Protein backbone atom coordinates (compact mmCIF):
# COMPACT_ATOMS: atom_id res chain seq x y z
CA MET A 1 -32.50 -10.33 -61.76
CA LYS A 2 -34.58 -13.21 -63.17
CA GLN A 3 -36.13 -10.81 -65.69
CA ARG A 4 -32.70 -9.55 -66.75
CA PHE A 5 -31.43 -13.08 -67.13
CA ALA A 6 -34.47 -14.01 -69.24
CA VAL A 7 -33.87 -11.03 -71.52
CA VAL A 8 -30.25 -12.04 -72.05
CA VAL A 9 -31.22 -15.65 -72.78
CA MET A 10 -33.81 -14.50 -75.32
CA LEU A 11 -31.23 -12.24 -76.95
CA LEU A 12 -28.74 -15.09 -77.29
CA PHE A 13 -31.41 -17.43 -78.64
CA GLY A 14 -32.46 -14.86 -81.21
CA THR A 15 -28.85 -14.37 -82.23
CA ALA A 16 -28.47 -18.10 -82.77
CA LEU A 17 -31.51 -18.06 -85.07
CA VAL A 18 -30.00 -15.23 -87.10
CA PHE A 19 -26.74 -17.15 -87.50
CA GLY A 20 -28.68 -20.04 -88.96
CA GLN A 21 -29.65 -17.84 -91.93
CA ALA A 22 -27.95 -15.40 -94.27
CA SER A 23 -26.82 -12.15 -92.71
CA ARG A 24 -29.49 -9.54 -93.49
CA ILE A 25 -29.08 -5.88 -92.74
CA PRO A 26 -32.34 -4.31 -91.44
CA GLY A 27 -33.81 -1.67 -93.72
CA GLY A 28 -32.45 -3.01 -96.99
CA ASP A 29 -32.08 -5.98 -99.29
CA TYR A 30 -28.34 -6.45 -98.96
CA SER A 31 -27.57 -9.97 -97.75
CA VAL A 32 -24.57 -12.26 -97.92
CA PRO A 33 -24.03 -15.85 -96.81
CA LEU A 34 -22.12 -16.54 -93.61
CA GLY A 35 -19.47 -19.19 -93.20
CA ALA A 36 -18.83 -20.76 -89.79
CA GLU A 37 -15.61 -22.17 -88.40
CA ALA A 38 -13.83 -22.77 -85.10
CA ARG A 39 -10.81 -20.51 -84.52
CA ASN A 40 -8.74 -21.23 -81.43
CA GLY A 41 -11.73 -23.08 -80.00
CA ARG A 42 -14.25 -20.29 -80.59
CA MET A 43 -17.18 -20.24 -82.99
CA VAL A 44 -16.73 -17.57 -85.68
CA PHE A 45 -19.20 -16.53 -88.38
CA GLN A 46 -17.81 -14.51 -91.28
CA THR A 47 -18.60 -13.40 -94.81
CA ALA A 48 -16.23 -14.46 -97.57
CA ASP A 49 -14.79 -10.96 -98.05
CA GLY A 50 -14.36 -10.34 -94.29
CA SER A 51 -16.70 -7.34 -94.27
CA PHE A 52 -18.81 -8.87 -91.49
CA ARG A 53 -17.78 -11.14 -88.65
CA TRP A 54 -19.48 -12.30 -85.46
CA TRP A 55 -18.02 -14.48 -82.75
CA PHE A 56 -18.74 -15.56 -79.20
CA ASP A 57 -16.28 -15.20 -76.33
CA ALA A 58 -17.41 -17.01 -73.19
CA ARG A 59 -15.36 -17.48 -70.03
CA LEU A 60 -15.79 -19.69 -66.97
CA GLN A 61 -13.47 -19.38 -63.97
CA MET A 62 -13.99 -21.51 -60.84
CA ASP A 63 -11.75 -20.62 -57.87
CA ALA A 64 -11.04 -22.18 -54.48
CA ALA A 65 -8.78 -20.85 -51.71
CA PHE A 66 -7.56 -21.78 -48.23
CA TYR A 67 -6.06 -19.30 -45.70
CA PHE A 68 -3.61 -20.02 -42.90
CA ASP A 69 -2.23 -18.22 -39.81
CA SER A 70 -4.45 -15.14 -40.17
CA LYS A 71 -5.52 -13.03 -37.18
CA ASN A 72 -8.76 -12.03 -38.86
CA PRO A 73 -11.41 -14.52 -39.97
CA MET A 74 -10.96 -15.46 -43.63
CA SER A 75 -13.35 -17.71 -45.45
CA ASP A 76 -12.01 -20.86 -47.07
CA GLY A 77 -14.22 -21.93 -49.92
CA ALA A 78 -14.97 -21.76 -53.62
CA VAL A 79 -16.62 -19.23 -55.94
CA PHE A 80 -17.37 -18.66 -59.58
CA ARG A 81 -14.90 -15.83 -60.16
CA ARG A 82 -16.19 -15.05 -63.63
CA LEU A 83 -19.02 -16.36 -65.82
CA THR A 84 -18.92 -14.10 -68.85
CA PHE A 85 -20.53 -14.10 -72.25
CA ALA A 86 -19.52 -11.68 -74.99
CA MET A 87 -20.51 -11.11 -78.59
CA LYS A 88 -17.97 -9.35 -80.80
CA THR A 89 -18.44 -8.09 -84.32
CA VAL A 90 -16.79 -6.52 -87.33
CA LEU A 91 -19.31 -4.52 -89.39
CA TRP A 92 -18.63 -3.13 -92.85
CA LYS A 93 -14.89 -3.84 -92.38
CA ASP A 94 -14.15 -0.66 -90.43
CA TRP A 95 -16.58 -0.82 -87.50
CA GLU A 96 -16.22 -3.07 -84.46
CA THR A 97 -18.52 -3.65 -81.49
CA GLU A 98 -18.51 -5.69 -78.31
CA LEU A 99 -21.18 -6.56 -75.77
CA ASP A 100 -19.86 -8.39 -72.69
CA VAL A 101 -21.66 -9.31 -69.45
CA ASP A 102 -20.71 -11.30 -66.35
CA PHE A 103 -23.14 -13.50 -64.37
CA ALA A 104 -20.77 -14.59 -61.57
CA GLU A 105 -22.32 -14.80 -58.10
CA ALA A 106 -25.78 -14.38 -59.70
CA VAL A 107 -25.18 -10.65 -60.27
CA LEU A 108 -25.35 -9.11 -63.73
CA ASP A 109 -22.22 -7.01 -64.30
CA LEU A 110 -21.75 -4.80 -67.36
CA ARG A 111 -18.26 -5.21 -68.80
CA ASP A 112 -17.05 -4.17 -72.25
CA MET A 113 -19.82 -2.47 -74.25
CA TRP A 114 -18.43 -0.26 -76.97
CA VAL A 115 -18.32 0.80 -80.61
CA LYS A 116 -14.98 1.33 -82.40
CA TYR A 117 -14.17 2.83 -85.78
CA ARG A 118 -10.87 2.06 -87.53
CA VAL A 119 -10.14 4.92 -89.90
CA PRO A 120 -9.52 3.35 -93.34
CA GLY A 121 -5.97 3.57 -94.63
CA THR A 122 -4.56 4.61 -91.26
CA HIS A 123 -3.47 3.09 -87.96
CA LEU A 124 -6.00 5.18 -86.06
CA SER A 125 -9.05 3.97 -84.14
CA LEU A 126 -11.79 5.86 -82.30
CA GLN A 127 -13.77 4.18 -79.53
CA VAL A 128 -16.77 5.11 -77.36
CA GLY A 129 -18.65 3.11 -74.73
CA ASN A 130 -17.76 1.23 -71.57
CA PHE A 131 -14.19 -0.11 -71.52
CA LYS A 132 -10.99 -0.05 -69.47
CA GLU A 133 -9.24 3.27 -69.06
CA PRO A 134 -5.76 3.28 -70.63
CA PHE A 135 -3.82 2.98 -67.39
CA GLY A 136 -2.01 -0.02 -65.90
CA LEU A 137 -0.58 -2.82 -68.05
CA GLU A 138 -1.69 -5.61 -65.71
CA ARG A 139 -5.16 -4.08 -65.32
CA LEU A 140 -5.53 -3.78 -69.09
CA THR A 141 -4.52 -7.41 -69.63
CA SER A 142 -7.58 -9.62 -70.04
CA SER A 143 -8.46 -11.79 -67.05
CA LEU A 144 -8.34 -14.68 -69.50
CA LEU A 145 -4.56 -14.19 -69.84
CA LEU A 146 -3.56 -13.45 -66.24
CA THR A 147 -0.48 -15.32 -65.06
CA PHE A 148 -1.83 -15.46 -61.49
CA LEU A 149 -5.42 -15.78 -60.31
CA GLU A 150 -5.57 -12.13 -59.24
CA ARG A 151 -3.78 -9.00 -60.33
CA SER A 152 -1.22 -7.47 -57.97
CA SER A 153 -2.41 -5.26 -55.11
CA VAL A 154 -1.27 -2.04 -56.81
CA SER A 155 -3.11 -2.97 -60.02
CA ASN A 156 -6.29 -3.31 -57.96
CA ALA A 157 -5.73 0.00 -56.15
CA PHE A 158 -4.75 2.73 -58.62
CA PRO A 159 -6.14 1.83 -62.09
CA LEU A 160 -9.89 2.43 -62.24
CA GLY A 161 -10.75 -0.28 -64.77
CA ARG A 162 -13.87 -0.01 -66.92
CA ARG A 163 -15.57 3.35 -67.27
CA ILE A 164 -17.89 5.09 -69.71
CA GLY A 165 -15.77 7.19 -72.02
CA ALA A 166 -14.18 7.89 -75.38
CA ALA A 167 -10.67 7.11 -76.62
CA ALA A 168 -8.44 7.48 -79.65
CA ARG A 169 -5.47 5.23 -80.42
CA TYR A 170 -2.68 5.45 -82.99
CA TRP A 171 -0.16 2.64 -83.48
CA THR A 172 2.73 1.47 -85.60
CA LYS A 173 4.77 -1.74 -85.51
CA TYR A 174 6.93 -0.11 -82.84
CA GLY A 175 4.35 1.18 -80.38
CA GLN A 176 1.05 2.89 -79.70
CA LEU A 177 -0.38 6.07 -78.17
CA THR A 178 -3.82 6.20 -76.54
CA GLY A 179 -5.67 9.22 -75.20
CA ALA A 180 -9.03 9.05 -73.44
CA ILE A 181 -11.63 10.98 -71.49
CA MET A 182 -13.33 8.66 -69.01
CA GLY A 183 -16.42 9.18 -66.89
CA HIS A 184 -17.98 7.08 -64.16
CA GLU A 185 -18.21 3.33 -63.69
CA ALA A 186 -21.32 1.79 -65.23
CA GLY A 187 -23.77 0.75 -62.53
CA THR A 188 -22.37 3.17 -59.92
CA ARG A 189 -24.94 5.16 -57.97
CA ILE A 190 -24.16 8.62 -59.30
CA ASP A 191 -25.58 11.69 -57.55
CA LYS A 192 -27.08 13.48 -60.53
CA GLY A 193 -29.19 15.92 -58.52
CA THR A 194 -26.72 18.72 -57.83
CA ARG A 195 -23.25 17.41 -58.72
CA ASP A 196 -21.53 17.00 -62.06
CA GLU A 197 -20.10 13.59 -62.84
CA GLY A 198 -16.42 13.11 -62.21
CA TYR A 199 -14.10 12.51 -65.14
CA SER A 200 -10.50 11.70 -65.90
CA THR A 201 -8.16 12.49 -68.77
CA ASN A 202 -5.76 9.68 -69.63
CA VAL A 203 -2.77 9.19 -71.88
CA ARG A 204 -0.71 6.01 -72.34
CA LEU A 205 2.36 5.58 -74.53
CA THR A 206 4.06 2.24 -75.17
CA LEU A 207 7.16 1.55 -77.26
CA ALA A 208 8.26 -1.79 -78.69
CA PRO A 209 11.86 -1.31 -79.93
CA ILE A 210 12.07 -5.10 -80.32
CA ASN A 211 8.94 -6.63 -81.84
CA GLN A 212 9.43 -10.09 -83.29
CA ARG A 213 7.72 -13.40 -82.73
CA GLY A 214 9.05 -14.65 -79.37
CA ARG A 215 11.40 -11.64 -79.02
CA ASN A 216 9.71 -8.57 -77.59
CA LEU A 217 10.68 -5.58 -75.50
CA HIS A 218 7.95 -3.23 -74.27
CA ILE A 219 8.52 0.07 -72.42
CA GLY A 220 5.56 2.19 -71.46
CA GLY A 221 4.13 4.91 -69.30
CA ALA A 222 0.71 6.33 -68.43
CA PHE A 223 -0.64 9.46 -66.77
CA ALA A 224 -4.13 10.38 -65.59
CA TYR A 225 -5.75 13.49 -64.11
CA LYS A 226 -8.92 12.71 -62.14
CA ILE A 227 -11.52 14.70 -60.26
CA PRO A 228 -13.66 12.86 -57.68
CA ASP A 229 -16.72 10.95 -58.85
CA ALA A 230 -20.11 12.23 -57.75
CA VAL A 231 -20.91 8.96 -55.97
CA ALA A 232 -24.13 8.99 -54.01
CA ASP A 233 -22.61 6.94 -51.16
CA LEU A 234 -19.70 9.35 -50.58
CA PRO A 235 -19.65 13.02 -49.51
CA GLU A 236 -18.79 15.59 -52.14
CA ASN A 237 -15.09 15.79 -53.11
CA THR A 238 -14.33 12.55 -51.29
CA ILE A 239 -12.48 9.50 -52.56
CA GLU A 240 -11.35 6.18 -51.08
CA ILE A 241 -8.64 3.86 -52.36
CA LYS A 242 -8.66 0.19 -51.49
CA SER A 243 -7.27 -3.11 -52.71
CA ARG A 244 -7.59 -6.84 -52.20
CA HIS A 245 -4.39 -8.66 -51.32
CA GLU A 246 -4.27 -10.74 -54.49
CA THR A 247 -7.03 -13.17 -53.57
CA TYR A 248 -10.80 -13.12 -54.08
CA VAL A 249 -12.50 -16.06 -52.34
CA SER A 250 -12.08 -14.20 -49.03
CA ASP A 251 -11.98 -10.52 -49.88
CA PRO A 252 -11.94 -8.27 -46.78
CA LYS A 253 -9.86 -5.55 -48.52
CA LEU A 254 -7.57 -5.00 -45.55
CA LEU A 255 -5.80 -2.25 -47.51
CA HIS A 256 -8.20 0.70 -47.36
CA THR A 257 -7.57 4.44 -46.94
CA GLY A 258 -11.03 5.23 -45.68
CA ASP A 259 -12.51 8.56 -46.81
CA ILE A 260 -10.03 11.10 -48.16
CA ARG A 261 -12.03 14.34 -47.99
CA ASP A 262 -11.85 17.75 -49.64
CA VAL A 263 -10.16 16.42 -52.77
CA ASN A 264 -9.56 18.92 -55.54
CA TYR A 265 -8.09 16.39 -57.97
CA TYR A 266 -5.66 13.49 -57.99
CA LEU A 267 -2.88 12.47 -60.34
CA ARG A 268 -1.87 8.94 -61.23
CA SER A 269 1.25 7.90 -63.09
CA GLY A 270 2.85 4.59 -63.95
CA VAL A 271 5.74 3.04 -65.83
CA GLU A 272 5.75 -0.39 -67.52
CA LEU A 273 8.33 -2.93 -68.62
CA LEU A 274 7.66 -6.19 -70.47
CA GLY A 275 9.96 -8.65 -72.15
CA ILE A 276 9.49 -11.93 -74.02
CA TYR A 277 12.46 -14.12 -74.86
CA GLY A 278 11.28 -17.45 -76.16
CA PRO A 279 9.78 -19.36 -73.19
CA PHE A 280 10.70 -16.59 -70.68
CA PHE A 281 8.41 -13.69 -69.83
CA LEU A 282 9.06 -10.65 -67.61
CA GLN A 283 6.58 -7.97 -66.59
CA SER A 284 6.88 -5.12 -64.10
CA GLU A 285 5.15 -1.87 -63.18
CA ALA A 286 5.50 0.97 -60.68
CA MET A 287 2.63 3.37 -59.95
CA TRP A 288 2.10 6.53 -57.92
CA THR A 289 -0.99 8.46 -56.82
CA THR A 290 -0.90 12.06 -55.56
CA VAL A 291 -4.05 13.58 -54.07
CA GLU A 292 -4.31 17.39 -54.00
CA ARG A 293 -6.85 18.79 -51.52
CA TRP A 294 -8.68 22.00 -50.75
CA TYR A 295 -8.28 24.31 -47.73
CA ASN A 296 -4.50 23.85 -47.47
CA LYS A 297 -4.92 20.27 -46.36
CA PRO A 298 -1.75 18.23 -46.87
CA ARG A 299 -1.18 16.38 -50.11
CA VAL A 300 -1.51 12.59 -49.97
CA ASP A 301 1.12 10.42 -51.67
CA MET A 302 0.78 6.66 -52.26
CA LYS A 303 2.78 4.17 -54.31
CA GLY A 304 3.15 0.54 -55.28
CA GLY A 305 4.66 -1.86 -57.76
CA TYR A 306 5.23 -5.46 -58.78
CA ALA A 307 7.48 -7.64 -60.90
CA PHE A 308 7.00 -11.19 -62.11
CA VAL A 309 8.82 -13.70 -64.26
CA THR A 310 7.56 -16.87 -65.91
CA TRP A 311 9.14 -19.85 -67.64
CA MET A 312 7.30 -22.09 -70.08
CA VAL A 313 8.97 -25.36 -69.11
CA THR A 314 7.68 -27.01 -72.26
CA GLY A 315 9.19 -24.37 -74.54
CA GLU A 316 6.21 -22.32 -75.76
CA THR A 317 6.33 -18.55 -76.19
CA ARG A 318 3.46 -16.03 -76.19
CA ASP A 319 2.02 -13.35 -78.42
CA TYR A 320 2.41 -9.60 -78.06
CA TYR A 321 -0.15 -7.09 -79.38
CA VAL A 322 1.80 -3.99 -80.37
CA ASP A 323 -1.37 -2.09 -81.39
CA GLU A 324 -2.68 -2.42 -77.83
CA GLY A 325 0.63 -2.52 -75.97
CA GLU A 326 -0.39 -5.71 -74.16
CA PRO A 327 0.77 -9.34 -73.90
CA GLY A 328 -1.19 -12.01 -75.72
CA PRO A 329 -1.91 -15.70 -75.03
CA VAL A 330 0.55 -18.56 -74.77
CA GLU A 331 0.87 -20.33 -78.12
CA MET A 332 -0.61 -23.76 -78.82
CA PRO A 333 1.09 -26.41 -76.64
CA LYS A 334 3.97 -28.14 -78.38
CA HIS A 335 3.15 -31.48 -76.74
CA SER A 336 -0.02 -33.54 -77.03
CA TRP A 337 -0.39 -33.58 -73.23
CA GLY A 338 -0.22 -29.77 -72.94
CA ALA A 339 2.08 -27.01 -71.70
CA LEU A 340 3.48 -26.18 -68.25
CA GLU A 341 4.41 -22.74 -66.88
CA LEU A 342 6.18 -21.72 -63.64
CA ALA A 343 5.84 -18.16 -62.32
CA ALA A 344 6.95 -15.96 -59.40
CA ARG A 345 5.79 -12.46 -58.43
CA ALA A 346 6.82 -9.92 -55.79
CA SER A 347 4.62 -6.90 -55.11
CA PHE A 348 4.15 -4.05 -52.66
CA LEU A 349 1.52 -1.39 -52.01
CA ASP A 350 1.72 1.55 -49.61
CA LEU A 351 -1.56 3.37 -48.92
CA ASN A 352 -0.10 5.19 -45.92
CA ASP A 353 0.76 8.86 -45.72
CA LEU A 354 1.12 9.38 -42.00
CA GLY A 355 1.97 13.07 -42.35
CA ALA A 356 -1.35 13.62 -44.11
CA GLY A 357 -3.27 11.49 -41.60
CA ILE A 358 -3.95 8.64 -44.02
CA HIS A 359 -3.54 5.11 -42.61
CA GLY A 360 -4.55 2.83 -45.48
CA GLY A 361 -2.02 0.11 -44.71
CA SER A 362 0.88 -1.34 -46.65
CA SER A 363 1.63 -4.82 -47.94
CA LYS A 364 4.55 -6.82 -49.21
CA GLN A 365 3.65 -10.02 -50.96
CA MET A 366 5.32 -12.94 -52.65
CA MET A 367 3.47 -15.35 -54.93
CA LEU A 368 4.46 -18.54 -56.70
CA GLY A 369 2.36 -20.06 -59.48
CA VAL A 370 2.02 -23.14 -61.64
CA ASN A 371 -0.13 -23.03 -64.79
CA TYR A 372 -1.08 -26.03 -66.89
CA TYR A 373 -2.50 -25.60 -70.41
CA PRO A 374 -3.99 -28.84 -71.82
CA ASN A 375 -4.90 -26.78 -74.92
CA ARG A 376 -5.69 -23.20 -75.93
CA ASN A 377 -9.11 -23.27 -74.24
CA ILE A 378 -8.44 -24.81 -70.82
CA LYS A 379 -6.11 -23.53 -68.09
CA LEU A 380 -5.53 -24.94 -64.60
CA GLN A 381 -3.80 -22.67 -62.09
CA PHE A 382 -2.25 -23.00 -58.62
CA ASN A 383 -0.90 -20.14 -56.45
CA TYR A 384 0.93 -20.02 -53.13
CA SER A 385 1.31 -16.60 -51.49
CA LYS A 386 2.92 -15.14 -48.35
CA VAL A 387 1.49 -11.80 -47.21
CA ASP A 388 3.21 -9.24 -44.96
CA LEU A 389 0.80 -6.52 -43.78
CA ASP A 390 1.59 -3.57 -41.51
CA GLN A 391 -0.32 -2.43 -38.43
CA TYR A 392 -2.46 0.01 -40.44
CA ALA A 393 -3.93 -2.63 -42.78
CA THR A 394 -7.19 -2.82 -40.82
CA ARG A 395 -9.94 -2.02 -43.36
CA LYS A 396 -10.65 1.41 -41.89
CA GLY A 397 -9.98 0.21 -38.32
CA ASN A 398 -12.53 -2.61 -38.41
CA LEU A 399 -10.02 -5.49 -38.39
CA LEU A 400 -6.75 -6.40 -36.71
CA GLY A 401 -3.56 -4.99 -38.19
CA ASP A 402 -0.23 -6.69 -38.79
CA ASP A 403 -2.11 -9.74 -40.08
CA ASP A 404 0.71 -11.66 -41.76
CA HIS A 405 -0.57 -14.91 -43.24
CA TRP A 406 -0.33 -17.23 -46.23
CA PHE A 407 -2.78 -18.89 -48.57
CA ILE A 408 -3.13 -21.26 -51.49
CA GLN A 409 -5.63 -20.86 -54.30
CA PHE A 410 -6.71 -22.79 -57.39
CA ARG A 411 -8.54 -22.04 -60.62
CA VAL A 412 -10.15 -24.07 -63.40
CA GLN A 413 -10.67 -21.88 -66.46
CA ALA A 414 -12.44 -22.59 -69.73
CA ALA A 415 -12.68 -20.15 -72.63
CA PHE A 416 -14.90 -20.89 -75.61
């Protein structure tokens, strides 16, 4: 770990030295001067014609949480939720790259690492590398922009997040369509001796029939076909689905199916709804997972969903990225002292299919939030949540079920 950290530090130091000079392309004499400026609190280096651009994207999230009335031990305390550093580039106008790592909890985690080509004269992009699969609006939304500290339980259970893969996206001012083939999660112990890697095929379509500044309507859907990963820690054709209950400081993952064996393939589907009306914001999703198994074993069906609403008390609205089908950041505070947001979310997740012998547990959860934005770079967050768990939410039988409890959690976030 120390060696990896030293390599990253040396890389960043070398990058800083390069930025102090003209931009020089290895293997040739072409060079152009770089201009530097701060955009939304981030350092950006760019050539005058926009052909080349480099910028840093660092993120620091410090969380604390306290748990009450739980049957199982839960650890009050504080953690660094994320400590990320990313370098993003535009190269020769049409090429983009990103290299993003996370150092939280002294563990190096590979995040976005990809190359993208925007086909000139079109609204088509091609991407390859490690990035989020196109499934789940809340999961696709950057952690920098999350309304609550953690995504809903269903968004932690069914979307698979970052994977090695390839994707193509086409967009207009009224929506986008993304298709992808995704492989395994970077850093996963894959059994490469006798088993092929698992893969998924994904498609996501979003429509924006209303797409104006501060007036947006987003309707979307996604579908994914997945065969089990060849994970060294799991038997062949075996999967497990689990989720945290919208908190991270204490993370027992009470919702856990255990091993689902003899899996042929599984299907995931989801629908999305998003609306922005001035200072008001609505977002909702419903998702389903169906697991088809060998040897006439019964099919497994699971489901979940959430809905939340927010109100910018101070009157700000937020951006919407139609080319990605995702919400953007809250605009610059209208007042010198900052901006204030109130939010409420209801969610549920059901990982039980008793007829198929799966007892993963179910949850119903309510969360209230207050977000304070002193400026575009700093965000302070507070959440209160009440959790209703059933008797099967036992983390594979290792903990007590029916553990209804409540908690409060806080975050200090800086992005620069």
